Amino acid sequence: MDDPQKKARFAELLRGSQSRLLGYIHGLVRDVNDADDLFQQTAVILWNKFESYDPSRSFTAWACGVARLEISNFIRSRSRKKLYLSDDLNLLLIEAYTEVPEQPNDDEERKEALAGCLAKLRERDRELLLTCYTGEDDIIRIADRIGRSSQSVHNSLRRIREALYECVRRTLAQEAHPA
């Protein structure tokens, strides 16, 4: 990208969505260093693919879509360490709480099941998810604001994700095999 105006536009768009993108990644990746590395990887990919960005669409949504793929690959590669969930729930949460563009193979039944399971959560768990997935702040700032450690917030998010995953799994099983 040799055009100085395009470089400036990219920098402006990335700067404008940086906190949202960082918060998004930090909300899904347990280790702060891994999350920061994923942000850097995503920024490089965004830079390399900026020519294909459609300015009529949300830059943040586009950036989150790119980050989604990077996070998915990362989670898959690290799932053996048990630090990261290897299921599709992370991606469902991403789609439920961010401006990620619709994917062509979206599974509406899973989304409906997730919405029902989200409604069944305790209010404080639902609020934590909303804060982490829709807010501008990263996990560290959120943890400071609510008087908890970032590790505690990550542990809560892991517990909530596991509960949601099980709820979605049960709901889909019941729909597939009604009693």
N, C-alpha and C. Protein backbone atom coordinates (compact mmCIF):
# COMPACT_ATOMS: atom_id res chain seq x y z
N MET A 1 0.87 -1.16 0.00
CA MET A 1 0.00 0.00 0.00
C MET A 1 0.91 1.22 0.00
N ASP A 2 1.05 1.84 -1.18
CA ASP A 2 1.95 2.98 -1.32
C ASP A 2 1.27 4.32 -1.15
N ASP A 3 -0.05 4.34 -1.27
CA ASP A 3 -0.81 5.58 -1.19
C ASP A 3 -0.82 6.11 0.25
N PRO A 4 -0.23 7.29 0.49
CA PRO A 4 -0.20 7.85 1.85
C PRO A 4 -1.60 8.08 2.43
N GLN A 5 -2.56 8.43 1.58
CA GLN A 5 -3.93 8.65 2.07
C GLN A 5 -4.54 7.34 2.58
N LYS A 6 -4.28 6.25 1.88
CA LYS A 6 -4.80 4.95 2.32
C LYS A 6 -4.13 4.53 3.62
N LYS A 7 -2.84 4.80 3.73
CA LYS A 7 -2.12 4.48 4.97
C LYS A 7 -2.71 5.26 6.13
N ALA A 8 -2.97 6.54 5.90
CA ALA A 8 -3.54 7.38 6.95
C ALA A 8 -4.94 6.91 7.31
N ARG A 9 -5.73 6.55 6.30
CA ARG A 9 -7.09 6.07 6.54
C ARG A 9 -7.08 4.78 7.35
N PHE A 10 -6.18 3.87 6.99
CA PHE A 10 -6.06 2.62 7.74
C PHE A 10 -5.71 2.90 9.20
N ALA A 11 -4.70 3.74 9.39
CA ALA A 11 -4.27 4.07 10.76
C ALA A 11 -5.42 4.69 11.56
N GLU A 12 -6.18 5.56 10.92
CA GLU A 12 -7.32 6.20 11.58
C GLU A 12 -8.39 5.18 11.95
N LEU A 13 -8.71 4.29 11.05
CA LEU A 13 -9.74 3.28 11.31
C LEU A 13 -9.29 2.29 12.39
N LEU A 14 -8.03 1.87 12.32
CA LEU A 14 -7.53 0.94 13.34
C LEU A 14 -7.50 1.60 14.70
N ARG A 15 -7.06 2.82 14.75
CA ARG A 15 -7.02 3.56 16.02
C ARG A 15 -8.43 3.71 16.59
N GLY A 16 -9.40 3.97 15.73
CA GLY A 16 -10.79 4.15 16.17
C GLY A 16 -11.44 2.88 16.70
N SER A 17 -10.97 1.74 16.24
CA SER A 17 -11.58 0.48 16.68
C SER A 17 -10.64 -0.33 17.57
N GLN A 18 -9.49 0.23 17.91
CA GLN A 18 -8.47 -0.51 18.65
C GLN A 18 -8.97 -1.02 20.00
N SER A 19 -9.62 -0.18 20.79
CA SER A 19 -10.04 -0.63 22.12
C SER A 19 -11.12 -1.70 22.01
N ARG A 20 -12.01 -1.56 21.06
CA ARG A 20 -13.06 -2.57 20.87
C ARG A 20 -12.45 -3.89 20.43
N LEU A 21 -11.52 -3.83 19.48
CA LEU A 21 -10.87 -5.03 18.97
C LEU A 21 -10.02 -5.69 20.06
N LEU A 22 -9.28 -4.90 20.81
CA LEU A 22 -8.49 -5.45 21.92
C LEU A 22 -9.38 -6.09 22.97
N GLY A 23 -10.46 -5.41 23.34
CA GLY A 23 -11.39 -5.95 24.32
C GLY A 23 -12.01 -7.25 23.84
N TYR A 24 -12.34 -7.29 22.58
CA TYR A 24 -12.91 -8.47 21.95
C TYR A 24 -11.95 -9.66 22.05
N ILE A 25 -10.71 -9.42 21.69
CA ILE A 25 -9.71 -10.49 21.72
C ILE A 25 -9.41 -10.89 23.17
N HIS A 26 -9.22 -9.90 24.04
CA HIS A 26 -8.92 -10.20 25.45
C HIS A 26 -10.07 -10.94 26.13
N GLY A 27 -11.28 -10.71 25.67
CA GLY A 27 -12.43 -11.42 26.25
C GLY A 27 -12.48 -12.89 25.88
N LEU A 28 -11.78 -13.26 24.83
CA LEU A 28 -11.83 -14.64 24.36
C LEU A 28 -10.56 -15.43 24.61
N VAL A 29 -9.49 -14.73 24.89
CA VAL A 29 -8.21 -15.41 25.06
C VAL A 29 -7.74 -15.18 26.48
N ARG A 30 -7.47 -16.24 27.18
CA ARG A 30 -7.18 -16.19 28.61
C ARG A 30 -5.89 -15.45 28.95
N ASP A 31 -4.85 -15.71 28.24
CA ASP A 31 -3.55 -15.13 28.54
C ASP A 31 -3.40 -13.76 27.88
N VAL A 32 -3.03 -12.77 28.68
CA VAL A 32 -2.91 -11.40 28.19
C VAL A 32 -1.85 -11.31 27.09
N ASN A 33 -0.74 -12.01 27.25
CA ASN A 33 0.31 -11.97 26.24
C ASN A 33 -0.15 -12.59 24.92
N ASP A 34 -0.88 -13.71 25.01
CA ASP A 34 -1.43 -14.33 23.80
C ASP A 34 -2.42 -13.40 23.12
N ALA A 35 -3.24 -12.75 23.91
CA ALA A 35 -4.23 -11.83 23.35
C ALA A 35 -3.54 -10.66 22.65
N ASP A 36 -2.50 -10.13 23.27
CA ASP A 36 -1.75 -9.03 22.64
C ASP A 36 -1.10 -9.48 21.34
N ASP A 37 -0.54 -10.71 21.35
CA ASP A 37 0.06 -11.26 20.12
C ASP A 37 -0.99 -11.41 19.03
N LEU A 38 -2.18 -11.89 19.41
CA LEU A 38 -3.26 -12.04 18.43
C LEU A 38 -3.71 -10.69 17.88
N PHE A 39 -3.72 -9.68 18.73
CA PHE A 39 -4.06 -8.35 18.24
C PHE A 39 -3.04 -7.90 17.19
N GLN A 40 -1.75 -8.10 17.49
CA GLN A 40 -0.70 -7.70 16.54
C GLN A 40 -0.83 -8.48 15.23
N GLN A 41 -1.06 -9.79 15.32
CA GLN A 41 -1.24 -10.61 14.12
C GLN A 41 -2.42 -10.10 13.31
N THR A 42 -3.51 -9.81 14.01
CA THR A 42 -4.71 -9.33 13.33
C THR A 42 -4.44 -8.00 12.64
N ALA A 43 -3.73 -7.10 13.32
CA ALA A 43 -3.42 -5.79 12.73
C ALA A 43 -2.58 -5.95 11.46
N VAL A 44 -1.63 -6.87 11.48
CA VAL A 44 -0.80 -7.10 10.28
C VAL A 44 -1.67 -7.63 9.14
N ILE A 45 -2.55 -8.57 9.45
CA ILE A 45 -3.44 -9.11 8.42
C ILE A 45 -4.36 -8.02 7.87
N LEU A 46 -4.90 -7.21 8.77
CA LEU A 46 -5.77 -6.10 8.33
C LEU A 46 -5.01 -5.18 7.39
N TRP A 47 -3.78 -4.87 7.75
CA TRP A 47 -2.94 -4.01 6.92
C TRP A 47 -2.73 -4.63 5.54
N ASN A 48 -2.38 -5.92 5.53
CA ASN A 48 -2.11 -6.60 4.27
C ASN A 48 -3.35 -6.76 3.40
N LYS A 49 -4.53 -6.79 4.01
CA LYS A 49 -5.77 -7.00 3.27
C LYS A 49 -6.61 -5.72 3.15
N PHE A 50 -6.04 -4.60 3.53
CA PHE A 50 -6.81 -3.36 3.56
C PHE A 50 -7.38 -2.99 2.18
N GLU A 51 -6.70 -3.39 1.13
CA GLU A 51 -7.18 -3.13 -0.22
C GLU A 51 -8.55 -3.79 -0.46
N SER A 52 -8.81 -4.90 0.24
CA SER A 52 -10.08 -5.61 0.04
C SER A 52 -11.18 -5.13 0.99
N TYR A 53 -10.86 -4.21 1.89
CA TYR A 53 -11.86 -3.68 2.82
C TYR A 53 -12.90 -2.86 2.06
N ASP A 54 -14.17 -3.12 2.35
CA ASP A 54 -15.29 -2.39 1.74
C ASP A 54 -15.66 -1.23 2.66
N PRO A 55 -15.34 0.01 2.29
CA PRO A 55 -15.60 1.15 3.18
C PRO A 55 -17.08 1.41 3.47
N SER A 56 -17.98 0.74 2.76
CA SER A 56 -19.40 0.91 3.07
C SER A 56 -19.81 0.06 4.28
N ARG A 57 -18.91 -0.79 4.73
CA ARG A 57 -19.18 -1.65 5.89
C ARG A 57 -18.38 -1.18 7.09
N SER A 58 -18.76 -1.65 8.25
CA SER A 58 -18.10 -1.29 9.49
C SER A 58 -16.67 -1.85 9.52
N PHE A 59 -15.70 -0.98 9.76
CA PHE A 59 -14.32 -1.43 9.88
C PHE A 59 -14.17 -2.35 11.10
N THR A 60 -14.83 -1.99 12.19
CA THR A 60 -14.74 -2.80 13.41
C THR A 60 -15.28 -4.20 13.15
N ALA A 61 -16.39 -4.31 12.44
CA ALA A 61 -16.95 -5.62 12.12
C ALA A 61 -15.98 -6.42 11.25
N TRP A 62 -15.38 -5.76 10.28
CA TRP A 62 -14.41 -6.42 9.42
C TRP A 62 -13.21 -6.88 10.24
N ALA A 63 -12.71 -6.00 11.10
CA ALA A 63 -11.56 -6.33 11.94
C ALA A 63 -11.89 -7.49 12.88
N CYS A 64 -13.07 -7.47 13.46
CA CYS A 64 -13.48 -8.57 14.35
C CYS A 64 -13.62 -9.88 13.59
N GLY A 65 -14.08 -9.80 12.36
CA GLY A 65 -14.18 -11.00 11.52
C GLY A 65 -12.81 -11.61 11.26
N VAL A 66 -11.83 -10.76 10.99
CA VAL A 66 -10.45 -11.23 10.79
C VAL A 66 -9.92 -11.81 12.10
N ALA A 67 -10.14 -11.09 13.20
CA ALA A 67 -9.68 -11.56 14.51
C ALA A 67 -10.35 -12.89 14.85
N ARG A 68 -11.61 -13.03 14.50
CA ARG A 68 -12.35 -14.28 14.76
C ARG A 68 -11.63 -15.47 14.16
N LEU A 69 -11.18 -15.32 12.94
CA LEU A 69 -10.46 -16.42 12.28
C LEU A 69 -9.13 -16.70 12.97
N GLU A 70 -8.42 -15.65 13.34
CA GLU A 70 -7.15 -15.81 14.04
C GLU A 70 -7.35 -16.48 15.40
N ILE A 71 -8.37 -16.06 16.12
CA ILE A 71 -8.68 -16.64 17.43
C ILE A 71 -9.07 -18.10 17.28
N SER A 72 -9.88 -18.39 16.29
CA SER A 72 -10.31 -19.77 16.04
C SER A 72 -9.10 -20.67 15.78
N ASN A 73 -8.19 -20.21 14.93
CA ASN A 73 -6.98 -20.99 14.66
C ASN A 73 -6.13 -21.14 15.92
N PHE A 74 -6.02 -20.08 16.68
CA PHE A 74 -5.23 -20.09 17.91
C PHE A 74 -5.83 -21.08 18.92
N ILE A 75 -7.14 -21.01 19.13
CA ILE A 75 -7.81 -21.89 20.08
C ILE A 75 -7.63 -23.34 19.65
N ARG A 76 -7.78 -23.59 18.37
CA ARG A 76 -7.61 -24.95 17.85
C ARG A 76 -6.18 -25.45 18.13
N SER A 77 -5.20 -24.58 17.92
CA SER A 77 -3.80 -25.00 18.10
C SER A 77 -3.45 -25.18 19.57
N ARG A 78 -4.15 -24.50 20.48
CA ARG A 78 -3.83 -24.56 21.90
C ARG A 78 -4.78 -25.43 22.71
N SER A 79 -5.76 -26.03 22.09
CA SER A 79 -6.80 -26.74 22.86
C SER A 79 -6.24 -27.88 23.70
N ARG A 80 -5.11 -28.44 23.33
CA ARG A 80 -4.54 -29.53 24.11
C ARG A 80 -4.05 -29.07 25.47
N LYS A 81 -3.78 -27.79 25.63
CA LYS A 81 -3.27 -27.28 26.90
C LYS A 81 -4.37 -27.02 27.92
N LYS A 82 -5.62 -27.15 27.52
CA LYS A 82 -6.77 -26.96 28.40
C LYS A 82 -6.92 -25.52 28.90
N LEU A 83 -6.13 -24.61 28.36
CA LEU A 83 -6.29 -23.21 28.73
C LEU A 83 -7.38 -22.54 27.90
N TYR A 84 -7.68 -23.14 26.77
CA TYR A 84 -8.64 -22.55 25.86
C TYR A 84 -9.70 -23.59 25.51
N LEU A 85 -10.90 -23.11 25.34
CA LEU A 85 -11.97 -24.02 24.94
C LEU A 85 -11.79 -24.36 23.47
N SER A 86 -12.01 -25.59 23.12
CA SER A 86 -11.84 -25.99 21.73
C SER A 86 -13.18 -26.14 21.03
N ASP A 87 -14.25 -25.73 21.69
CA ASP A 87 -15.57 -25.88 21.09
C ASP A 87 -15.96 -24.65 20.29
N ASP A 88 -17.13 -24.70 19.69
CA ASP A 88 -17.61 -23.60 18.87
C ASP A 88 -18.26 -22.50 19.70
N LEU A 89 -18.36 -22.67 20.99
CA LEU A 89 -19.06 -21.69 21.81
C LEU A 89 -18.40 -20.32 21.74
N ASN A 90 -17.06 -20.27 21.75
CA ASN A 90 -16.40 -18.98 21.64
C ASN A 90 -16.87 -18.23 20.40
N LEU A 91 -16.95 -18.95 19.29
CA LEU A 91 -17.36 -18.29 18.05
C LEU A 91 -18.83 -17.87 18.11
N LEU A 92 -19.67 -18.68 18.74
CA LEU A 92 -21.07 -18.29 18.90
C LEU A 92 -21.17 -17.02 19.77
N LEU A 93 -20.38 -16.97 20.83
CA LEU A 93 -20.40 -15.78 21.68
C LEU A 93 -19.91 -14.56 20.91
N ILE A 94 -18.90 -14.75 20.12
CA ILE A 94 -18.40 -13.65 19.31
C ILE A 94 -19.52 -13.11 18.43
N GLU A 95 -20.20 -14.01 17.75
CA GLU A 95 -21.26 -13.59 16.85
C GLU A 95 -22.44 -12.99 17.59
N ALA A 96 -22.69 -13.47 18.80
CA ALA A 96 -23.83 -12.98 19.56
C ALA A 96 -23.58 -11.58 20.12
N TYR A 97 -22.34 -11.25 20.44
CA TYR A 97 -22.06 -10.00 21.15
C TYR A 97 -21.23 -8.99 20.40
N THR A 98 -20.95 -9.22 19.14
CA THR A 98 -20.16 -8.24 18.40
C THR A 98 -20.79 -8.00 17.05
N GLU A 99 -20.20 -7.06 16.34
CA GLU A 99 -20.69 -6.72 15.01
C GLU A 99 -20.05 -7.58 13.94
N VAL A 100 -19.76 -8.84 14.24
CA VAL A 100 -19.12 -9.69 13.26
C VAL A 100 -20.09 -9.95 12.12
N PRO A 101 -19.64 -9.79 10.88
CA PRO A 101 -20.53 -10.02 9.75
C PRO A 101 -21.05 -11.45 9.74
N GLU A 102 -22.26 -11.61 9.26
CA GLU A 102 -22.86 -12.94 9.17
C GLU A 102 -21.97 -13.84 8.33
N GLN A 103 -21.80 -15.04 8.76
CA GLN A 103 -21.05 -16.03 8.02
C GLN A 103 -22.04 -16.81 7.16
N PRO A 104 -21.63 -17.25 5.98
CA PRO A 104 -22.57 -17.93 5.09
C PRO A 104 -23.14 -19.23 5.65
N ASN A 105 -22.45 -19.88 6.57
CA ASN A 105 -22.94 -21.15 7.09
C ASN A 105 -23.43 -21.03 8.53
N ASP A 106 -24.00 -19.87 8.86
CA ASP A 106 -24.52 -19.69 10.22
C ASP A 106 -25.57 -20.75 10.53
N ASP A 107 -25.55 -21.22 11.75
CA ASP A 107 -26.49 -22.24 12.17
C ASP A 107 -27.52 -21.56 13.06
N GLU A 108 -28.69 -21.26 12.50
CA GLU A 108 -29.72 -20.51 13.22
C GLU A 108 -30.20 -21.25 14.47
N GLU A 109 -30.28 -22.58 14.40
CA GLU A 109 -30.73 -23.33 15.58
C GLU A 109 -29.77 -23.13 16.75
N ARG A 110 -28.47 -23.13 16.47
CA ARG A 110 -27.48 -22.92 17.53
C ARG A 110 -27.60 -21.52 18.11
N LYS A 111 -27.83 -20.55 17.24
CA LYS A 111 -27.97 -19.17 17.72
C LYS A 111 -29.22 -19.02 18.59
N GLU A 112 -30.30 -19.65 18.16
CA GLU A 112 -31.53 -19.59 18.96
C GLU A 112 -31.34 -20.29 20.30
N ALA A 113 -30.66 -21.43 20.27
CA ALA A 113 -30.38 -22.15 21.53
C ALA A 113 -29.51 -21.30 22.44
N LEU A 114 -28.50 -20.65 21.86
CA LEU A 114 -27.62 -19.79 22.66
C LEU A 114 -28.42 -18.63 23.27
N ALA A 115 -29.31 -18.03 22.48
CA ALA A 115 -30.11 -16.92 23.01
C ALA A 115 -30.95 -17.39 24.19
N GLY A 116 -31.55 -18.58 24.08
CA GLY A 116 -32.34 -19.11 25.18
C GLY A 116 -31.49 -19.40 26.41
N CYS A 117 -30.30 -19.92 26.18
CA CYS A 117 -29.40 -20.23 27.30
C CYS A 117 -28.88 -18.95 27.95
N LEU A 118 -28.62 -17.92 27.15
CA LEU A 118 -28.19 -16.64 27.71
C LEU A 118 -29.27 -16.08 28.63
N ALA A 119 -30.52 -16.25 28.23
CA ALA A 119 -31.63 -15.75 29.04
C ALA A 119 -31.74 -16.48 30.37
N LYS A 120 -31.25 -17.72 30.43
CA LYS A 120 -31.32 -18.51 31.65
C LYS A 120 -30.18 -18.21 32.63
N LEU A 121 -29.17 -17.49 32.18
CA LEU A 121 -28.04 -17.18 33.06
C LEU A 121 -28.46 -16.29 34.22
N ARG A 122 -27.70 -16.39 35.32
CA ARG A 122 -27.91 -15.43 36.40
C ARG A 122 -27.62 -14.04 35.86
N GLU A 123 -28.32 -13.06 36.40
CA GLU A 123 -28.18 -11.70 35.90
C GLU A 123 -26.74 -11.21 35.95
N ARG A 124 -26.02 -11.50 37.03
CA ARG A 124 -24.64 -11.00 37.14
C ARG A 124 -23.72 -11.66 36.12
N ASP A 125 -23.98 -12.94 35.78
CA ASP A 125 -23.18 -13.60 34.75
C ASP A 125 -23.47 -13.01 33.38
N ARG A 126 -24.75 -12.76 33.11
CA ARG A 126 -25.14 -12.15 31.84
C ARG A 126 -24.53 -10.75 31.72
N GLU A 127 -24.56 -9.99 32.81
CA GLU A 127 -23.97 -8.65 32.80
C GLU A 127 -22.47 -8.70 32.54
N LEU A 128 -21.79 -9.68 33.14
CA LEU A 128 -20.34 -9.81 32.92
C LEU A 128 -20.06 -10.11 31.45
N LEU A 129 -20.83 -11.02 30.87
CA LEU A 129 -20.65 -11.33 29.45
C LEU A 129 -20.89 -10.09 28.59
N LEU A 130 -21.97 -9.40 28.85
CA LEU A 130 -22.27 -8.20 28.07
C LEU A 130 -21.17 -7.16 28.21
N THR A 131 -20.68 -6.97 29.42
CA THR A 131 -19.62 -6.00 29.65
C THR A 131 -18.36 -6.40 28.88
N CYS A 132 -18.02 -7.68 28.93
CA CYS A 132 -16.79 -8.13 28.29
C CYS A 132 -16.89 -8.21 26.77
N TYR A 133 -18.07 -8.53 26.25
CA TYR A 133 -18.20 -8.73 24.81
C TYR A 133 -18.75 -7.52 24.06
N THR A 134 -19.33 -6.58 24.74
CA THR A 134 -19.87 -5.43 24.03
C THR A 134 -19.25 -4.12 24.45
N GLY A 135 -18.51 -4.13 25.53
CA GLY A 135 -17.93 -2.89 26.04
C GLY A 135 -16.68 -2.48 25.29
N GLU A 136 -16.25 -1.29 25.58
CA GLU A 136 -15.05 -0.74 24.97
C GLU A 136 -13.79 -1.16 25.72
N ASP A 137 -13.92 -1.52 27.00
CA ASP A 137 -12.76 -1.80 27.83
C ASP A 137 -12.25 -3.22 27.66
N ASP A 138 -10.96 -3.41 27.96
CA ASP A 138 -10.40 -4.75 27.95
C ASP A 138 -10.64 -5.40 29.31
N ILE A 139 -10.27 -6.66 29.43
CA ILE A 139 -10.54 -7.43 30.65
C ILE A 139 -9.86 -6.80 31.87
N ILE A 140 -8.67 -6.31 31.68
CA ILE A 140 -7.94 -5.72 32.81
C ILE A 140 -8.70 -4.52 33.37
N ARG A 141 -9.17 -3.65 32.50
CA ARG A 141 -9.93 -2.47 32.96
C ARG A 141 -11.26 -2.88 33.58
N ILE A 142 -11.92 -3.85 32.97
CA ILE A 142 -13.19 -4.33 33.51
C ILE A 142 -12.98 -4.90 34.91
N ALA A 143 -11.94 -5.73 35.06
CA ALA A 143 -11.65 -6.33 36.36
C ALA A 143 -11.38 -5.25 37.40
N ASP A 144 -10.59 -4.25 37.05
CA ASP A 144 -10.32 -3.14 37.97
C ASP A 144 -11.61 -2.43 38.36
N ARG A 145 -12.46 -2.19 37.38
CA ARG A 145 -13.70 -1.46 37.63
C ARG A 145 -14.65 -2.21 38.56
N ILE A 146 -14.68 -3.55 38.45
CA ILE A 146 -15.61 -4.32 39.29
C ILE A 146 -14.93 -4.88 40.53
N GLY A 147 -13.67 -4.52 40.75
CA GLY A 147 -12.97 -4.92 41.96
C GLY A 147 -12.56 -6.38 42.00
N ARG A 148 -12.20 -6.93 40.85
CA ARG A 148 -11.77 -8.32 40.77
C ARG A 148 -10.45 -8.37 40.01
N SER A 149 -9.75 -9.48 40.13
CA SER A 149 -8.53 -9.66 39.35
C SER A 149 -8.92 -10.07 37.93
N SER A 150 -8.02 -9.80 36.98
CA SER A 150 -8.32 -10.21 35.61
C SER A 150 -8.40 -11.74 35.51
N GLN A 151 -7.61 -12.44 36.30
CA GLN A 151 -7.68 -13.90 36.31
C GLN A 151 -9.06 -14.38 36.78
N SER A 152 -9.60 -13.70 37.79
CA SER A 152 -10.93 -14.04 38.30
C SER A 152 -11.99 -13.83 37.22
N VAL A 153 -11.87 -12.74 36.48
CA VAL A 153 -12.82 -12.47 35.39
C VAL A 153 -12.69 -13.54 34.31
N HIS A 154 -11.44 -13.88 33.95
CA HIS A 154 -11.24 -14.94 32.95
C HIS A 154 -11.82 -16.26 33.44
N ASN A 155 -11.62 -16.58 34.71
CA ASN A 155 -12.18 -17.82 35.26
C ASN A 155 -13.70 -17.81 35.20
N SER A 156 -14.31 -16.67 35.54
CA SER A 156 -15.77 -16.56 35.47
C SER A 156 -16.25 -16.73 34.04
N LEU A 157 -15.56 -16.09 33.10
CA LEU A 157 -15.94 -16.22 31.69
C LEU A 157 -15.83 -17.67 31.22
N ARG A 158 -14.78 -18.35 31.66
CA ARG A 158 -14.62 -19.76 31.29
C ARG A 158 -15.78 -20.58 31.84
N ARG A 159 -16.12 -20.36 33.12
CA ARG A 159 -17.21 -21.09 33.74
C ARG A 159 -18.53 -20.81 33.02
N ILE A 160 -18.78 -19.56 32.69
CA ILE A 160 -20.02 -19.18 32.00
C ILE A 160 -20.05 -19.81 30.61
N ARG A 161 -18.93 -19.76 29.89
CA ARG A 161 -18.88 -20.37 28.56
C ARG A 161 -19.16 -21.87 28.63
N GLU A 162 -18.57 -22.54 29.62
CA GLU A 162 -18.81 -23.97 29.77
C GLU A 162 -20.28 -24.26 30.05
N ALA A 163 -20.89 -23.45 30.91
CA ALA A 163 -22.31 -23.63 31.22
C ALA A 163 -23.15 -23.38 29.97
N LEU A 164 -22.82 -22.35 29.23
CA LEU A 164 -23.56 -22.06 28.00
C LEU A 164 -23.38 -23.18 26.98
N TYR A 165 -22.17 -23.66 26.86
CA TYR A 165 -21.92 -24.75 25.92
C TYR A 165 -22.78 -25.96 26.25
N GLU A 166 -22.80 -26.34 27.52
CA GLU A 166 -23.60 -27.50 27.94
C GLU A 166 -25.09 -27.25 27.71
N CYS A 167 -25.54 -26.04 28.01
CA CYS A 167 -26.95 -25.69 27.80
C CYS A 167 -27.31 -25.77 26.32
N VAL A 168 -26.46 -25.22 25.46
CA VAL A 168 -26.71 -25.26 24.01
C VAL A 168 -26.71 -26.71 23.53
N ARG A 169 -25.76 -27.49 24.00
CA ARG A 169 -25.67 -28.90 23.60
C ARG A 169 -26.95 -29.65 24.00
N ARG A 170 -27.40 -29.45 25.25
CA ARG A 170 -28.63 -30.11 25.72
C ARG A 170 -29.85 -29.64 24.92
N THR A 171 -29.93 -28.36 24.70
CA THR A 171 -31.07 -27.80 23.96
C THR A 171 -31.14 -28.38 22.55
N LEU A 172 -30.02 -28.43 21.87
CA LEU A 172 -30.00 -28.98 20.51
C LEU A 172 -30.30 -30.47 20.51
N ALA A 173 -29.81 -31.19 21.52
CA ALA A 173 -30.11 -32.62 21.63
C ALA A 173 -31.59 -32.85 21.84
N GLN A 174 -32.20 -32.03 22.68
CA GLN A 174 -33.65 -32.15 22.94
C GLN A 174 -34.45 -31.84 21.69
N GLU A 175 -34.01 -30.86 20.92
CA GLU A 175 -34.73 -30.51 19.69
C GLU A 175 -34.58 -31.60 18.64
N ALA A 176 -33.41 -32.26 18.64
CA ALA A 176 -33.16 -33.32 17.65
C ALA A 176 -33.91 -34.61 18.01
N HIS A 177 -34.11 -34.84 19.33
CA HIS A 177 -34.77 -36.05 19.80
C HIS A 177 -35.82 -35.69 20.84
N PRO A 178 -36.94 -35.07 20.39
CA PRO A 178 -37.96 -34.68 21.38
C PRO A 178 -38.54 -35.90 22.09
N ALA A 179 -38.83 -35.69 23.37
CA ALA A 179 -39.35 -36.81 24.18
C ALA A 179 -40.82 -37.03 23.93
